[in-house]
């Protein structure tokens, strides 16, 4: 009897030890957990997630970092910035949500049996998602965008939550190496030069255009190779409104009067989007000093929000700025 009691006590102790620092995951087993900081608080996530759902800006990050994805939202805006390998992964993964937060398919997410859900939408958009319902399925980590240039830290936190910092850091190192090479290549050509940028999010129906300053979508990768965009937003707001502004087309001459070089956003597929076409077709554009001097250059992939996709942006910038070193 004494031996039986001792065996039972040992078994109980082993169960308690094995349970320390662990919690149930989406697969139903006991797994080691750790805490990560997210927009929705301190969240305990599996140390090594095995079945991950990603939505919004988390989609390209977790595909590129090789996370164990079992479902994603659609990410149509980014497919043109994916490598063939990453695009193949995107195409074959189950789509459990659409482009909008309101297009979340909770039943499909539950059926995927995830042990982690990473939501990559801005904080205000979280109100459109039933986070409590998702939390009943698996730990939910909400890490969404703020200012455009913050994608670097944003993507790192998303990769970290999914346990893929190793792959992420390798992509970051490759990007920084290439950016440093281009910075050295164009140092003399861009030093002290005033750049301006026409963004791709103007509103044609309102008769306005978007001007982007340093740190915005169309400029932040160029900043990494030494390009500076002069000026700043007249009335700064939150997020992208702190680094870009919208003005009526009549203000184009005044806005870019000092620009010695102007870059402008192309769509990822290389076409000129309607907001930029509106500017390029204006007689006011043709009379800008930089345009008359032949120093207006198109740039693709300015919508990049990961290091692998920003490699495409660097390639486009290299092509766009080449005339500055050959003149």
C-alpha atoms as a PDB file:
ATOM      1  CA  UNK A   1       0.000   0.000   0.000  1.00  0.00           C
ATOM      2  CA  UNK A   2       2.868   2.334   0.906  1.00  0.00           C
ATOM      3  CA  UNK A   3       4.496   1.684  -2.506  1.00  0.00           C
ATOM      4  CA  UNK A   4       1.251   2.468  -4.333  1.00  0.00           C
ATOM      5  CA  UNK A   5       0.862   5.766  -2.491  1.00  0.00           C
ATOM      6  CA  UNK A   6       4.450   6.727  -3.289  1.00  0.00           C
ATOM      7  CA  UNK A   7       3.947   5.947  -6.979  1.00  0.00           C
ATOM      8  CA  UNK A   8       0.778   8.033  -7.045  1.00  0.00           C
ATOM      9  CA  UNK A   9       2.561  10.959  -5.396  1.00  0.00           C
ATOM     10  CA  UNK A  10       5.411  10.834  -7.901  1.00  0.00           C
ATOM     11  CA  UNK A  11       2.973  10.724 -10.818  1.00  0.00           C
ATOM     12  CA  UNK A  12       1.101  13.745  -9.438  1.00  0.00           C
ATOM     13  CA  UNK A  13       4.360  15.683  -9.042  1.00  0.00           C
ATOM     14  CA  UNK A  14       5.375  14.941 -12.622  1.00  0.00           C
ATOM     15  CA  UNK A  15       2.043  16.224 -13.915  1.00  0.00           C
ATOM     16  CA  UNK A  16       2.403  19.443 -11.930  1.00  0.00           C
ATOM     17  CA  UNK A  17       5.973  20.026 -13.146  1.00  0.00           C
ATOM     18  CA  UNK A  18       5.080  19.355 -16.767  1.00  0.00           C
ATOM     19  CA  UNK A  19       2.184  21.806 -16.487  1.00  0.00           C
ATOM     20  CA  UNK A  20       4.295  24.724 -15.254  1.00  0.00           C
ATOM     21  CA  UNK A  21       4.441  27.574 -17.785  1.00  0.00           C
ATOM     22  CA  UNK A  22       2.118  25.764 -20.148  1.00  0.00           C
ATOM     23  CA  UNK A  23      -1.461  26.137 -21.292  1.00  0.00           C
ATOM     24  CA  UNK A  24      -3.816  24.484 -23.701  1.00  0.00           C
ATOM     25  CA  UNK A  25      -3.212  25.346 -27.347  1.00  0.00           C
ATOM     26  CA  UNK A  26      -5.587  25.204 -30.312  1.00  0.00           C
ATOM     27  CA  UNK A  27      -4.596  21.565 -30.948  1.00  0.00           C
ATOM     28  CA  UNK A  28      -5.922  20.507 -27.543  1.00  0.00           C
ATOM     29  CA  UNK A  29      -2.545  19.537 -25.985  1.00  0.00           C
ATOM     30  CA  UNK A  30      -0.445  21.169 -23.283  1.00  0.00           C
ATOM     31  CA  UNK A  31       2.221  23.400 -24.865  1.00  0.00           C
ATOM     32  CA  UNK A  32       4.874  25.792 -23.500  1.00  0.00           C
ATOM     33  CA  UNK A  33       3.655  29.388 -23.547  1.00  0.00           C
ATOM     34  CA  UNK A  34       5.231  32.848 -23.387  1.00  0.00           C
ATOM     35  CA  UNK A  35       3.923  36.409 -23.257  1.00  0.00           C
ATOM     36  CA  UNK A  36       4.076  38.926 -26.103  1.00  0.00           C
ATOM     37  CA  UNK A  37       2.975  42.552 -26.145  1.00  0.00           C
ATOM     38  CA  UNK A  38       0.171  43.328 -28.587  1.00  0.00           C
ATOM     39  CA  UNK A  39      -2.347  46.077 -29.266  1.00  0.00           C
ATOM     40  CA  UNK A  40      -4.830  44.061 -27.222  1.00  0.00           C
ATOM     41  CA  UNK A  41      -2.542  43.618 -24.202  1.00  0.00           C
ATOM     42  CA  UNK A  42      -0.054  41.050 -22.909  1.00  0.00           C
ATOM     43  CA  UNK A  43      -0.989  37.813 -24.624  1.00  0.00           C
ATOM     44  CA  UNK A  44       0.257  34.314 -23.847  1.00  0.00           C
ATOM     45  CA  UNK A  45       1.139  32.478 -27.053  1.00  0.00           C
ATOM     46  CA  UNK A  46       2.731  29.108 -27.820  1.00  0.00           C
ATOM     47  CA  UNK A  47       6.525  29.189 -27.845  1.00  0.00           C
ATOM     48  CA  UNK A  48       6.430  27.266 -31.123  1.00  0.00           C
ATOM     49  CA  UNK A  49       3.039  27.768 -32.796  1.00  0.00           C
ATOM     50  CA  UNK A  50       2.054  24.853 -35.011  1.00  0.00           C
ATOM     51  CA  UNK A  51      -1.156  26.138 -36.614  1.00  0.00           C
ATOM     52  CA  UNK A  52      -1.292  29.872 -37.270  1.00  0.00           C
ATOM     53  CA  UNK A  53      -3.973  32.133 -38.749  1.00  0.00           C
ATOM     54  CA  UNK A  54      -2.826  35.516 -40.149  1.00  0.00           C
ATOM     55  CA  UNK A  55      -4.875  38.477 -41.341  1.00  0.00           C
ATOM     56  CA  UNK A  56      -4.135  41.913 -42.787  1.00  0.00           C
ATOM     57  CA  UNK A  57      -0.548  43.113 -42.677  1.00  0.00           C
ATOM     58  CA  UNK A  58       0.477  39.924 -40.877  1.00  0.00           C
ATOM     59  CA  UNK A  59      -0.191  37.872 -44.016  1.00  0.00           C
ATOM     60  CA  UNK A  60       2.908  38.722 -46.100  1.00  0.00           C
ATOM     61  CA  UNK A  61       5.164  38.806 -43.026  1.00  0.00           C
ATOM     62  CA  UNK A  62       4.232  35.342 -41.850  1.00  0.00           C
ATOM     63  CA  UNK A  63       4.298  33.846 -45.334  1.00  0.00           C
ATOM     64  CA  UNK A  64       7.783  35.238 -45.942  1.00  0.00           C
ATOM     65  CA  UNK A  65       9.089  34.155 -42.544  1.00  0.00           C
ATOM     66  CA  UNK A  66       7.850  30.594 -42.989  1.00  0.00           C
ATOM     67  CA  UNK A  67       5.277  30.518 -40.190  1.00  0.00           C
ATOM     68  CA  UNK A  68       3.159  27.387 -39.797  1.00  0.00           C
ATOM     69  CA  UNK A  69       0.127  28.926 -41.461  1.00  0.00           C
ATOM     70  CA  UNK A  70      -3.176  27.096 -41.820  1.00  0.00           C
ATOM     71  CA  UNK A  71      -5.261  30.055 -42.993  1.00  0.00           C
ATOM     72  CA  UNK A  72      -4.975  33.699 -44.012  1.00  0.00           C
ATOM     73  CA  UNK A  73      -7.049  36.652 -45.117  1.00  0.00           C
ATOM     74  CA  UNK A  74      -6.811  37.720 -48.726  1.00  0.00           C
ATOM     75  CA  UNK A  75      -4.095  40.324 -49.375  1.00  0.00           C
ATOM     76  CA  UNK A  76      -4.688  41.413 -52.962  1.00  0.00           C
ATOM     77  CA  UNK A  77      -2.766  44.658 -52.580  1.00  0.00           C
ATOM     78  CA  UNK A  78       0.440  42.748 -51.922  1.00  0.00           C
ATOM     79  CA  UNK A  79       0.481  39.805 -54.319  1.00  0.00           C
ATOM     80  CA  UNK A  80       2.435  41.745 -56.967  1.00  0.00           C
ATOM     81  CA  UNK A  81       5.183  42.268 -54.392  1.00  0.00           C
ATOM     82  CA  UNK A  82       5.609  38.573 -53.580  1.00  0.00           C
ATOM     83  CA  UNK A  83       8.316  36.308 -54.947  1.00  0.00           C
ATOM     84  CA  UNK A  84       7.056  33.326 -56.997  1.00  0.00           C
ATOM     85  CA  UNK A  85       7.668  31.068 -53.989  1.00  0.00           C
ATOM     86  CA  UNK A  86       5.748  33.285 -51.591  1.00  0.00           C
ATOM     87  CA  UNK A  87       2.972  33.828 -54.125  1.00  0.00           C
ATOM     88  CA  UNK A  88       2.574  30.051 -54.460  1.00  0.00           C
ATOM     89  CA  UNK A  89       2.224  29.781 -50.679  1.00  0.00           C
ATOM     90  CA  UNK A  90      -0.333  32.592 -50.660  1.00  0.00           C
ATOM     91  CA  UNK A  91      -2.401  30.966 -53.417  1.00  0.00           C
ATOM     92  CA  UNK A  92      -2.614  27.552 -51.775  1.00  0.00           C
ATOM     93  CA  UNK A  93      -3.433  28.685 -48.247  1.00  0.00           C
ATOM     94  CA  UNK A  94      -7.069  28.621 -47.136  1.00  0.00           C
ATOM     95  CA  UNK A  95      -8.629  32.105 -47.140  1.00  0.00           C
ATOM     96  CA  UNK A  96     -10.528  32.555 -43.881  1.00  0.00           C
ATOM     97  CA  UNK A  97     -11.127  36.317 -44.230  1.00  0.00           C
ATOM     98  CA  UNK A  98     -11.395  38.946 -46.937  1.00  0.00           C
ATOM     99  CA  UNK A  99      -9.740  42.313 -47.472  1.00  0.00           C
ATOM    100  CA  UNK A 100     -11.945  43.934 -44.831  1.00  0.00           C
ATOM    101  CA  UNK A 101     -12.090  43.076 -41.141  1.00  0.00           C
ATOM    102  CA  UNK A 102     -15.852  42.668 -41.480  1.00  0.00           C
ATOM    103  CA  UNK A 103     -15.195  39.797 -43.900  1.00  0.00           C
ATOM    104  CA  UNK A 104     -13.827  37.504 -41.189  1.00  0.00           C
ATOM    105  CA  UNK A 105     -15.131  33.923 -41.425  1.00  0.00           C
ATOM    106  CA  UNK A 106     -15.201  32.775 -37.789  1.00  0.00           C
ATOM    107  CA  UNK A 107     -16.466  29.306 -38.645  1.00  0.00           C
ATOM    108  CA  UNK A 108     -13.616  28.744 -41.101  1.00  0.00           C
ATOM    109  CA  UNK A 109     -11.066  29.926 -38.537  1.00  0.00           C
ATOM    110  CA  UNK A 110     -12.469  27.560 -35.918  1.00  0.00           C
ATOM    111  CA  UNK A 111     -12.427  24.685 -38.415  1.00  0.00           C
ATOM    112  CA  UNK A 112      -8.708  25.320 -39.082  1.00  0.00           C
ATOM    113  CA  UNK A 113      -8.056  24.514 -35.377  1.00  0.00           C
ATOM    114  CA  UNK A 114      -5.342  27.196 -34.882  1.00  0.00           C
ATOM    115  CA  UNK A 115      -3.136  27.543 -31.826  1.00  0.00           C
ATOM    116  CA  UNK A 116      -2.432  31.219 -32.637  1.00  0.00           C
ATOM    117  CA  UNK A 117      -4.272  34.011 -34.474  1.00  0.00           C
ATOM    118  CA  UNK A 118      -2.287  37.082 -35.578  1.00  0.00           C
ATOM    119  CA  UNK A 119      -4.423  40.056 -36.609  1.00  0.00           C
ATOM    120  CA  UNK A 120      -2.609  42.768 -38.572  1.00  0.00           C
ATOM    121  CA  UNK A 121      -5.124  45.598 -38.759  1.00  0.00           C
ATOM    122  CA  UNK A 122      -5.032  49.160 -37.348  1.00  0.00           C
ATOM    123  CA  UNK A 123      -6.354  49.565 -33.814  1.00  0.00           C
ATOM    124  CA  UNK A 124      -9.569  51.379 -34.893  1.00  0.00           C
ATOM    125  CA  UNK A 125     -10.432  48.479 -37.207  1.00  0.00           C
ATOM    126  CA  UNK A 126     -10.341  45.991 -34.329  1.00  0.00           C
ATOM    127  CA  UNK A 127     -13.827  47.225 -33.469  1.00  0.00           C
ATOM    128  CA  UNK A 128     -15.037  45.455 -36.635  1.00  0.00           C
ATOM    129  CA  UNK A 129     -13.721  42.104 -35.395  1.00  0.00           C
ATOM    130  CA  UNK A 130     -15.275  39.904 -32.709  1.00  0.00           C
ATOM    131  CA  UNK A 131     -12.007  39.431 -30.834  1.00  0.00           C
ATOM    132  CA  UNK A 132     -13.728  37.661 -27.927  1.00  0.00           C
ATOM    133  CA  UNK A 133     -15.096  35.068 -30.302  1.00  0.00           C
ATOM    134  CA  UNK A 134     -11.642  34.509 -31.775  1.00  0.00           C
ATOM    135  CA  UNK A 135     -10.137  34.263 -28.289  1.00  0.00           C
ATOM    136  CA  UNK A 136     -12.470  31.352 -27.600  1.00  0.00           C
ATOM    137  CA  UNK A 137     -10.702  29.557 -30.453  1.00  0.00           C
ATOM    138  CA  UNK A 138      -7.023  30.397 -29.833  1.00  0.00           C
ATOM    139  CA  UNK A 139      -4.768  33.141 -28.413  1.00  0.00           C
ATOM    140  CA  UNK A 140      -5.245  36.351 -30.412  1.00  0.00           C
ATOM    141  CA  UNK A 141      -2.358  38.757 -31.023  1.00  0.00           C
ATOM    142  CA  UNK A 142      -3.421  42.053 -32.617  1.00  0.00           C
ATOM    143  CA  UNK A 143      -0.446  43.978 -34.022  1.00  0.00           C
ATOM    144  CA  UNK A 144      -1.543  46.599 -36.537  1.00  0.00           C
ATOM    145  CA  UNK A 145       0.085  49.431 -38.496  1.00  0.00           C
ATOM    146  CA  UNK A 146       0.545  52.996 -37.306  1.00  0.00           C
ATOM    147  CA  UNK A 147       2.779  55.327 -39.346  1.00  0.00           C
ATOM    148  CA  UNK A 148       3.876  53.985 -42.752  1.00  0.00           C
ATOM    149  CA  UNK A 149       7.578  53.686 -41.934  1.00  0.00           C
ATOM    150  CA  UNK A 150       6.785  51.663 -38.782  1.00  0.00           C
ATOM    151  CA  UNK A 151       6.317  48.480 -40.846  1.00  0.00           C
ATOM    152  CA  UNK A 152       9.829  47.463 -39.813  1.00  0.00           C
ATOM    153  CA  UNK A 153       8.992  47.106 -36.129  1.00  0.00           C
ATOM    154  CA  UNK A 154       5.445  45.984 -36.877  1.00  0.00           C
ATOM    155  CA  UNK A 155       6.594  43.086 -39.045  1.00  0.00           C
ATOM    156  CA  UNK A 156       9.253  42.096 -36.503  1.00  0.00           C
ATOM    157  CA  UNK A 157       6.682  41.861 -33.711  1.00  0.00           C
ATOM    158  CA  UNK A 158       4.357  39.800 -35.904  1.00  0.00           C
ATOM    159  CA  UNK A 159       7.154  37.392 -36.846  1.00  0.00           C
ATOM    160  CA  UNK A 160       8.194  37.160 -33.204  1.00  0.00           C
ATOM    161  CA  UNK A 161       4.662  36.262 -32.112  1.00  0.00           C
ATOM    162  CA  UNK A 162       4.716  33.388 -34.612  1.00  0.00           C
ATOM    163  CA  UNK A 163       8.145  32.230 -33.418  1.00  0.00           C
ATOM    164  CA  UNK A 164       9.904  33.110 -36.694  1.00  0.00           C
ATOM    165  CA  UNK A 165      12.457  35.759 -35.739  1.00  0.00           C
ATOM    166  CA  UNK A 166      15.320  33.763 -37.247  1.00  0.00           C
ATOM    167  CA  UNK A 167      13.915  33.912 -40.762  1.00  0.00           C
ATOM    168  CA  UNK A 168      12.821  37.499 -40.236  1.00  0.00           C
ATOM    169  CA  UNK A 169      16.289  38.637 -39.161  1.00  0.00           C
ATOM    170  CA  UNK A 170      17.872  36.998 -42.210  1.00  0.00           C
ATOM    171  CA  UNK A 171      15.551  38.947 -44.540  1.00  0.00           C
ATOM    172  CA  UNK A 172      16.233  42.154 -42.609  1.00  0.00           C
ATOM    173  CA  UNK A 173      19.996  41.682 -42.933  1.00  0.00           C
ATOM    174  CA  UNK A 174      19.732  41.113 -46.694  1.00  0.00           C
ATOM    175  CA  UNK A 175      17.668  44.274 -47.086  1.00  0.00           C
ATOM    176  CA  UNK A 176      20.025  46.398 -45.002  1.00  0.00           C
ATOM    177  CA  UNK A 177      23.042  45.161 -46.961  1.00  0.00           C
ATOM    178  CA  UNK A 178      21.455  46.106 -50.266  1.00  0.00           C
ATOM    179  CA  UNK A 179      20.228  49.461 -48.944  1.00  0.00           C
ATOM    180  CA  UNK A 180      23.730  50.294 -47.718  1.00  0.00           C
ATOM    181  CA  UNK A 181      25.174  49.500 -51.152  1.00  0.00           C
ATOM    182  CA  UNK A 182      22.683  51.801 -52.880  1.00  0.00           C
ATOM    183  CA  UNK A 183      23.238  54.510 -50.298  1.00  0.00           C
ATOM    184  CA  UNK A 184      26.941  54.477 -51.137  1.00  0.00           C
ATOM    185  CA  UNK A 185      26.219  54.393 -54.878  1.00  0.00           C
ATOM    186  CA  UNK A 186      23.949  57.452 -54.815  1.00  0.00           C
ATOM    187  CA  UNK A 187      25.579  59.420 -51.991  1.00  0.00           C
ATOM    188  CA  UNK A 188      27.035  62.140 -54.186  1.00  0.00           C
ATOM    189  CA  UNK A 189      24.005  62.288 -56.482  1.00  0.00           C
ATOM    190  CA  UNK A 190      21.407  62.865 -53.761  1.00  0.00           C
ATOM    191  CA  UNK A 191      23.354  64.730 -51.082  1.00  0.00           C
ATOM    192  CA  UNK A 192      21.673  68.080 -50.417  1.00  0.00           C
ATOM    193  CA  UNK A 193      19.113  67.528 -53.191  1.00  0.00           C
ATOM    194  CA  UNK A 194      15.495  68.443 -52.436  1.00  0.00           C
ATOM    195  CA  UNK A 195      13.196  65.598 -53.406  1.00  0.00           C
ATOM    196  CA  UNK A 196       9.407  65.658 -53.601  1.00  0.00           C
ATOM    197  CA  UNK A 197       7.052  62.693 -53.977  1.00  0.00           C
ATOM    198  CA  UNK A 198       3.590  62.305 -55.495  1.00  0.00           C
ATOM    199  CA  UNK A 199       1.780  59.496 -53.683  1.00  0.00           C
ATOM    200  CA  UNK A 200      -0.733  57.029 -55.027  1.00  0.00           C
ATOM    201  CA  UNK A 201      -3.649  57.775 -52.716  1.00  0.00           C
ATOM    202  CA  UNK A 202      -4.984  61.092 -53.966  1.00  0.00           C
ATOM    203  CA  UNK A 203      -8.708  61.488 -54.538  1.00  0.00           C
ATOM    204  CA  UNK A 204      -9.461  62.358 -58.163  1.00  0.00           C
ATOM    205  CA  UNK A 205     -13.148  62.908 -57.425  1.00  0.00           C
ATOM    206  CA  UNK A 206     -12.188  65.586 -54.905  1.00  0.00           C
ATOM    207  CA  UNK A 207      -9.679  67.156 -57.301  1.00  0.00           C
ATOM    208  CA  UNK A 208      -6.716  66.611 -54.994  1.00  0.00           C
ATOM    209  CA  UNK A 209      -3.301  64.933 -55.017  1.00  0.00           C
ATOM    210  CA  UNK A 210      -1.213  63.296 -52.327  1.00  0.00           C
ATOM    211  CA  UNK A 211       2.185  64.662 -51.430  1.00  0.00           C
ATOM    212  CA  UNK A 212       4.314  62.354 -49.306  1.00  0.00           C
ATOM    213  CA  UNK A 213       7.153  63.520 -47.074  1.00  0.00           C
ATOM    214  CA  UNK A 214       9.951  61.516 -45.455  1.00  0.00           C
ATOM    215  CA  UNK A 215       8.680  58.457 -43.600  1.00  0.00           C
ATOM    216  CA  UNK A 216       5.595  57.920 -45.748  1.00  0.00           C
ATOM    217  CA  UNK A 217       4.709  54.931 -47.943  1.00  0.00           C
ATOM    218  CA  UNK A 218       6.283  56.319 -51.072  1.00  0.00           C
ATOM    219  CA  UNK A 219       9.384  57.676 -49.374  1.00  0.00           C
ATOM    220  CA  UNK A 220      10.496  55.550 -46.427  1.00  0.00           C
ATOM    221  CA  UNK A 221      12.561  53.030 -48.414  1.00  0.00           C
ATOM    222  CA  UNK A 222      14.171  55.868 -50.373  1.00  0.00           C
ATOM    223  CA  UNK A 223      15.067  57.396 -47.005  1.00  0.00           C
ATOM    224  CA  UNK A 224      17.078  54.244 -46.297  1.00  0.00           C
ATOM    225  CA  UNK A 225      19.359  54.958 -49.249  1.00  0.00           C
ATOM    226  CA  UNK A 226      19.952  58.578 -48.348  1.00  0.00           C
ATOM    227  CA  UNK A 227      17.140  60.373 -50.186  1.00  0.00           C
ATOM    228  CA  UNK A 228      15.501  63.207 -48.240  1.00  0.00           C
ATOM    229  CA  UNK A 229      12.105  64.690 -49.070  1.00  0.00           C
ATOM    230  CA  UNK A 230      11.943  68.318 -48.081  1.00  0.00           C
ATOM    231  CA  UNK A 231       9.108  69.963 -46.179  1.00  0.00           C
ATOM    232  CA  UNK A 232       6.543  68.589 -43.781  1.00  0.00           C
ATOM    233  CA  UNK A 233       2.796  68.256 -43.342  1.00  0.00           C
ATOM    234  CA  UNK A 234       1.107  71.591 -42.621  1.00  0.00           C
ATOM    235  CA  UNK A 235      -1.433  70.132 -40.194  1.00  0.00           C
ATOM    236  CA  UNK A 236      -0.213  66.846 -38.817  1.00  0.00           C
ATOM    237  CA  UNK A 237      -2.655  64.143 -37.853  1.00  0.00           C
ATOM    238  CA  UNK A 238      -2.305  60.563 -36.679  1.00  0.00           C
ATOM    239  CA  UNK A 239      -0.721  57.741 -38.654  1.00  0.00           C
ATOM    240  CA  UNK A 240      -0.090  58.481 -42.325  1.00  0.00           C
ATOM    241  CA  UNK A 241      -1.530  61.979 -41.845  1.00  0.00           C
ATOM    242  CA  UNK A 242       1.683  62.863 -40.018  1.00  0.00           C
ATOM    243  CA  UNK A 243       3.812  62.252 -43.115  1.00  0.00           C
ATOM    244  CA  UNK A 244       1.538  62.986 -46.080  1.00  0.00           C
ATOM    245  CA  UNK A 245      -1.095  65.529 -47.044  1.00  0.00           C
ATOM    246  CA  UNK A 246      -3.797  66.060 -49.635  1.00  0.00           C
ATOM    247  CA  UNK A 247      -4.042  69.330 -51.538  1.00  0.00           C
ATOM    248  CA  UNK A 248      -6.125  70.584 -54.444  1.00  0.00           C
ATOM    249  CA  UNK A 249      -4.490  70.213 -57.843  1.00  0.00           C
ATOM    250  CA  UNK A 250      -4.241  73.994 -58.080  1.00  0.00           C
ATOM    251  CA  UNK A 251      -1.666  73.887 -55.273  1.00  0.00           C
ATOM    252  CA  UNK A 252       0.684  71.636 -57.247  1.00  0.00           C
ATOM    253  CA  UNK A 253       3.059  74.425 -58.376  1.00  0.00           C
ATOM    254  CA  UNK A 254       3.448  75.824 -54.861  1.00  0.00           C
ATOM    255  CA  UNK A 255       3.817  72.385 -53.294  1.00  0.00           C
ATOM    256  CA  UNK A 256       6.682  71.302 -55.557  1.00  0.00           C
ATOM    257  CA  UNK A 257       8.223  74.664 -56.397  1.00  0.00           C
ATOM    258  CA  UNK A 258      11.469  73.859 -54.583  1.00  0.00           C
ATOM    259  CA  UNK A 259      11.705  70.229 -55.630  1.00  0.00           C
ATOM    260  CA  UNK A 260      14.852  69.523 -57.638  1.00  0.00           C
ATOM    261  CA  UNK A 261      13.813  65.908 -58.223  1.00  0.00           C
ATOM    262  CA  UNK A 262      10.305  64.446 -58.056  1.00  0.00           C
ATOM    263  CA  UNK A 263       9.473  60.781 -57.662  1.00  0.00           C
ATOM    264  CA  UNK A 264       5.988  59.397 -58.066  1.00  0.00           C
ATOM    265  CA  UNK A 265       4.261  56.148 -57.181  1.00  0.00           C
ATOM    266  CA  UNK A 266       3.467  53.456 -59.708  1.00  0.00           C
ATOM    267  CA  UNK A 267       1.144  50.565 -58.987  1.00  0.00           C
ATOM    268  CA  UNK A 268       2.977  47.325 -58.136  1.00  0.00           C
ATOM    269  CA  UNK A 269       2.255  45.997 -61.652  1.00  0.00           C
ATOM    270  CA  UNK A 270       4.016  49.017 -63.155  1.00  0.00           C
ATOM    271  CA  UNK A 271       0.926  50.906 -64.290  1.00  0.00           C
ATOM    272  CA  UNK A 272       0.101  54.497 -63.423  1.00  0.00           C
ATOM    273  CA  UNK A 273      -2.801  54.583 -60.994  1.00  0.00           C
ATOM    274  CA  UNK A 274      -5.689  57.015 -61.472  1.00  0.00           C
ATOM    275  CA  UNK A 275      -4.608  59.396 -58.647  1.00  0.00           C
ATOM    276  CA  UNK A 276      -1.116  59.781 -60.113  1.00  0.00           C
ATOM    277  CA  UNK A 277      -2.387  59.925 -63.708  1.00  0.00           C
ATOM    278  CA  UNK A 278      -4.548  62.847 -62.651  1.00  0.00           C
ATOM    279  CA  UNK A 279      -1.397  64.728 -61.640  1.00  0.00           C
ATOM    280  CA  UNK A 280       0.699  63.727 -64.650  1.00  0.00           C
ATOM    281  CA  UNK A 281      -2.038  64.807 -67.069  1.00  0.00           C
ATOM    282  CA  UNK A 282      -2.325  68.250 -65.509  1.00  0.00           C
ATOM    283  CA  UNK A 283      -0.734  71.194 -67.380  1.00  0.00           C
ATOM    284  CA  UNK A 284       0.503  72.330 -63.974  1.00  0.00           C
ATOM    285  CA  UNK A 285       2.657  69.212 -63.713  1.00  0.00           C
ATOM    286  CA  UNK A 286       4.421  69.857 -66.989  1.00  0.00           C
ATOM    287  CA  UNK A 287       5.522  73.287 -65.801  1.00  0.00           C
ATOM    288  CA  UNK A 288       7.134  72.153 -62.563  1.00  0.00           C
ATOM    289  CA  UNK A 289      10.893  72.932 -62.511  1.00  0.00           C
ATOM    290  CA  UNK A 290      11.909  69.324 -61.844  1.00  0.00           C
ATOM    291  CA  UNK A 291       9.669  68.009 -64.610  1.00  0.00           C
ATOM    292  CA  UNK A 292      10.954  70.549 -67.130  1.00  0.00           C
ATOM    293  CA  UNK A 293      14.493  69.523 -66.167  1.00  0.00           C
ATOM    294  CA  UNK A 294      13.727  65.866 -66.877  1.00  0.00           C
ATOM    295  CA  UNK A 295      14.051  64.870 -63.243  1.00  0.00           C
ATOM    296  CA  UNK A 296      10.709  63.223 -62.519  1.00  0.00           C
ATOM    297  CA  UNK A 297      11.053  59.482 -61.926  1.00  0.00           C
ATOM    298  CA  UNK A 298       8.488  56.701 -61.355  1.00  0.00           C
ATOM    299  CA  UNK A 299       8.958  54.191 -58.528  1.00  0.00           C
ATOM    300  CA  UNK A 300       7.249  50.803 -58.147  1.00  0.00           C
ATOM    301  CA  UNK A 301       6.538  48.814 -54.988  1.00  0.00           C
ATOM    302  CA  UNK A 302       6.246  51.836 -52.703  1.00  0.00           C
ATOM    303  CA  UNK A 303       3.480  49.942 -50.860  1.00  0.00           C
ATOM    304  CA  UNK A 304       6.006  47.432 -49.459  1.00  0.00           C
ATOM    305  CA  UNK A 305       5.534  46.553 -45.793  1.00  0.00           C
ATOM    306  CA  UNK A 306       8.062  43.738 -45.336  1.00  0.00           C
ATOM    307  CA  UNK A 307      11.793  43.413 -45.915  1.00  0.00           C
ATOM    308  CA  UNK A 308      11.500  40.930 -48.820  1.00  0.00           C
ATOM    309  CA  UNK A 309       8.945  43.130 -50.623  1.00  0.00           C
ATOM    310  CA  UNK A 310      11.033  46.246 -49.928  1.00  0.00           C
ATOM    311  CA  UNK A 311      13.878  44.561 -51.822  1.00  0.00           C
ATOM    312  CA  UNK A 312      11.739  45.101 -54.930  1.00  0.00           C
ATOM    313  CA  UNK A 313      11.386  48.764 -53.934  1.00  0.00           C
ATOM    314  CA  UNK A 314      15.162  49.085 -53.750  1.00  0.00           C
ATOM    315  CA  UNK A 315      15.479  47.615 -57.243  1.00  0.00           C
ATOM    316  CA  UNK A 316      12.952  50.109 -58.574  1.00  0.00           C
ATOM    317  CA  UNK A 317      14.685  53.027 -56.857  1.00  0.00           C
ATOM    318  CA  UNK A 318      18.004  51.937 -58.319  1.00  0.00           C
ATOM    319  CA  UNK A 319      16.492  51.999 -61.785  1.00  0.00           C
ATOM    320  CA  UNK A 320      14.660  55.287 -61.205  1.00  0.00           C
ATOM    321  CA  UNK A 321      17.634  57.199 -59.817  1.00  0.00           C
ATOM    322  CA  UNK A 322      20.217  55.851 -62.245  1.00  0.00           C
ATOM    323  CA  UNK A 323      20.007  58.959 -64.504  1.00  0.00           C
ATOM    324  CA  UNK A 324      21.268  61.064 -61.584  1.00  0.00           C
ATOM    325  CA  UNK A 325      24.663  59.342 -61.681  1.00  0.00           C
ATOM    326  CA  UNK A 326      24.981  59.155 -65.453  1.00  0.00           C
ATOM    327  CA  UNK A 327      24.341  62.802 -66.277  1.00  0.00           C
END
